């Protein structure tokens, strides 16, 4: 499902105009990105959590140059679905 599909589904189920729904979806995604960029997690009860995970510094190899490189500590975004979400997805397996 794409962002356009989500906008169409929400517009159809709520009766709102597609432009208004698209603005809301865009604003939601920007809000989540901004929160994660500021190291603040986003919790949506019954849906899941968008969290920032820390990756420790590690040593790796560049095999093309046969060189050891150090990858610095960094943060990555992650999504953890809620238990209700997981249960619904698991129950729809055919």
C-alpha atoms as a PDB file:
ATOM      1  CA  UNK A   1       0.000   0.000   0.000  1.00  0.00           C
ATOM      2  CA  UNK A   2       1.356   3.407  -0.957  1.00  0.00           C
ATOM      3  CA  UNK A   3       0.801   6.816   0.602  1.00  0.00           C
ATOM      4  CA  UNK A   4      -1.705   7.599  -2.168  1.00  0.00           C
ATOM      5  CA  UNK A   5      -3.621   4.413  -1.318  1.00  0.00           C
ATOM      6  CA  UNK A   6      -3.746   5.434   2.347  1.00  0.00           C
ATOM      7  CA  UNK A   7      -5.027   8.899   1.398  1.00  0.00           C
ATOM      8  CA  UNK A   8      -7.726   7.340  -0.813  1.00  0.00           C
ATOM      9  CA  UNK A   9      -8.828   4.879   1.893  1.00  0.00           C
ATOM     10  CA  UNK A  10      -9.022   7.541   4.611  1.00  0.00           C
ATOM     11  CA  UNK A  11     -10.835   9.991   2.317  1.00  0.00           C
ATOM     12  CA  UNK A  12     -13.348   7.293   1.378  1.00  0.00           C
ATOM     13  CA  UNK A  13     -13.988   6.187   4.975  1.00  0.00           C
ATOM     14  CA  UNK A  14     -14.208   9.700   6.482  1.00  0.00           C
ATOM     15  CA  UNK A  15     -15.837  11.620   3.634  1.00  0.00           C
ATOM     16  CA  UNK A  16     -13.111  14.277   3.720  1.00  0.00           C
ATOM     17  CA  UNK A  17     -11.485  15.710   0.614  1.00  0.00           C
ATOM     18  CA  UNK A  18      -8.339  13.970  -0.600  1.00  0.00           C
ATOM     19  CA  UNK A  19      -6.292  17.181  -0.391  1.00  0.00           C
ATOM     20  CA  UNK A  20      -7.168  17.623   3.303  1.00  0.00           C
ATOM     21  CA  UNK A  21      -6.378  13.982   4.057  1.00  0.00           C
ATOM     22  CA  UNK A  22      -3.082  14.200   2.159  1.00  0.00           C
ATOM     23  CA  UNK A  23      -2.098  17.266   4.209  1.00  0.00           C
ATOM     24  CA  UNK A  24      -2.887  15.412   7.436  1.00  0.00           C
ATOM     25  CA  UNK A  25      -0.924  12.316   6.385  1.00  0.00           C
ATOM     26  CA  UNK A  26       2.061  14.467   5.358  1.00  0.00           C
ATOM     27  CA  UNK A  27       1.905  16.414   8.631  1.00  0.00           C
ATOM     28  CA  UNK A  28       1.751  13.161  10.619  1.00  0.00           C
ATOM     29  CA  UNK A  29       4.820  11.753   8.867  1.00  0.00           C
ATOM     30  CA  UNK A  30       6.754  15.010   9.328  1.00  0.00           C
ATOM     31  CA  UNK A  31       5.820  15.061  13.006  1.00  0.00           C
ATOM     32  CA  UNK A  32       7.086  11.493  13.489  1.00  0.00           C
ATOM     33  CA  UNK A  33      10.335  12.248  11.608  1.00  0.00           C
ATOM     34  CA  UNK A  34      10.923  15.457  13.587  1.00  0.00           C
ATOM     35  CA  UNK A  35      10.312  13.699  16.910  1.00  0.00           C
ATOM     36  CA  UNK A  36      12.706  10.871  16.067  1.00  0.00           C
ATOM     37  CA  UNK A  37      15.319  13.347  14.853  1.00  0.00           C
ATOM     38  CA  UNK A  38      15.097  15.017  18.283  1.00  0.00           C
ATOM     39  CA  UNK A  39      15.587  11.604  19.981  1.00  0.00           C
ATOM     40  CA  UNK A  40      11.965  11.473  21.170  1.00  0.00           C
ATOM     41  CA  UNK A  41      10.023   8.241  20.687  1.00  0.00           C
ATOM     42  CA  UNK A  42       6.456   8.197  19.310  1.00  0.00           C
ATOM     43  CA  UNK A  43       3.937   5.838  20.950  1.00  0.00           C
ATOM     44  CA  UNK A  44       0.604   5.096  19.242  1.00  0.00           C
ATOM     45  CA  UNK A  45      -1.523   2.919  21.521  1.00  0.00           C
ATOM     46  CA  UNK A  46      -2.965  -0.088  19.681  1.00  0.00           C
ATOM     47  CA  UNK A  47      -0.717   0.507  16.660  1.00  0.00           C
ATOM     48  CA  UNK A  48       2.923   0.550  17.706  1.00  0.00           C
ATOM     49  CA  UNK A  49       5.951   2.613  18.635  1.00  0.00           C
ATOM     50  CA  UNK A  50       8.441   4.497  16.514  1.00  0.00           C
ATOM     51  CA  UNK A  51      11.660   4.459  18.539  1.00  0.00           C
ATOM     52  CA  UNK A  52      15.252   5.559  18.125  1.00  0.00           C
ATOM     53  CA  UNK A  53      17.784   2.764  18.622  1.00  0.00           C
ATOM     54  CA  UNK A  54      21.449   3.353  19.345  1.00  0.00           C
ATOM     55  CA  UNK A  55      24.020   1.325  17.449  1.00  0.00           C
ATOM     56  CA  UNK A  56      27.377   0.961  19.178  1.00  0.00           C
ATOM     57  CA  UNK A  57      30.689   1.681  17.473  1.00  0.00           C
ATOM     58  CA  UNK A  58      32.017  -1.359  15.653  1.00  0.00           C
ATOM     59  CA  UNK A  59      34.891  -2.507  13.500  1.00  0.00           C
ATOM     60  CA  UNK A  60      34.191  -3.721   9.965  1.00  0.00           C
ATOM     61  CA  UNK A  61      36.130  -4.618   6.834  1.00  0.00           C
ATOM     62  CA  UNK A  62      36.132  -3.011   3.422  1.00  0.00           C
ATOM     63  CA  UNK A  63      36.735  -6.170   1.426  1.00  0.00           C
ATOM     64  CA  UNK A  64      37.426  -4.395  -1.868  1.00  0.00           C
ATOM     65  CA  UNK A  65      40.402  -2.515  -0.345  1.00  0.00           C
ATOM     66  CA  UNK A  66      41.205  -5.152   2.294  1.00  0.00           C
ATOM     67  CA  UNK A  67      41.049  -2.464   4.964  1.00  0.00           C
ATOM     68  CA  UNK A  68      39.679  -2.339   8.501  1.00  0.00           C
ATOM     69  CA  UNK A  69      37.276   0.546   9.106  1.00  0.00           C
ATOM     70  CA  UNK A  70      35.529   1.836  12.202  1.00  0.00           C
ATOM     71  CA  UNK A  71      31.824   2.529  12.015  1.00  0.00           C
ATOM     72  CA  UNK A  72      30.987   5.206  14.601  1.00  0.00           C
ATOM     73  CA  UNK A  73      28.132   5.006  17.095  1.00  0.00           C
ATOM     74  CA  UNK A  74      24.883   6.129  15.462  1.00  0.00           C
ATOM     75  CA  UNK A  75      21.112   6.185  15.873  1.00  0.00           C
ATOM     76  CA  UNK A  76      18.559   4.485  13.632  1.00  0.00           C
ATOM     77  CA  UNK A  77      14.749   4.687  13.542  1.00  0.00           C
ATOM     78  CA  UNK A  78      12.806   1.531  14.312  1.00  0.00           C
ATOM     79  CA  UNK A  79       9.152   0.466  14.510  1.00  0.00           C
ATOM     80  CA  UNK A  80       7.783  -1.977  17.066  1.00  0.00           C
ATOM     81  CA  UNK A  81       4.171  -3.040  16.447  1.00  0.00           C
ATOM     82  CA  UNK A  82       1.714  -3.242  19.346  1.00  0.00           C
ATOM     83  CA  UNK A  83       0.497  -6.636  20.584  1.00  0.00           C
ATOM     84  CA  UNK A  84      -3.004  -5.964  19.230  1.00  0.00           C
ATOM     85  CA  UNK A  85      -1.498  -5.119  15.829  1.00  0.00           C
ATOM     86  CA  UNK A  86       0.599  -8.304  15.826  1.00  0.00           C
ATOM     87  CA  UNK A  87      -2.383 -10.448  16.829  1.00  0.00           C
ATOM     88  CA  UNK A  88      -4.495  -9.056  13.980  1.00  0.00           C
ATOM     89  CA  UNK A  89      -1.763  -9.672  11.414  1.00  0.00           C
ATOM     90  CA  UNK A  90      -1.120 -13.213  12.713  1.00  0.00           C
ATOM     91  CA  UNK A  91      -4.822 -14.091  12.615  1.00  0.00           C
ATOM     92  CA  UNK A  92      -5.063 -13.157   8.907  1.00  0.00           C
ATOM     93  CA  UNK A  93      -2.453 -15.672   7.744  1.00  0.00           C
ATOM     94  CA  UNK A  94      -3.985 -18.109   5.293  1.00  0.00           C
END
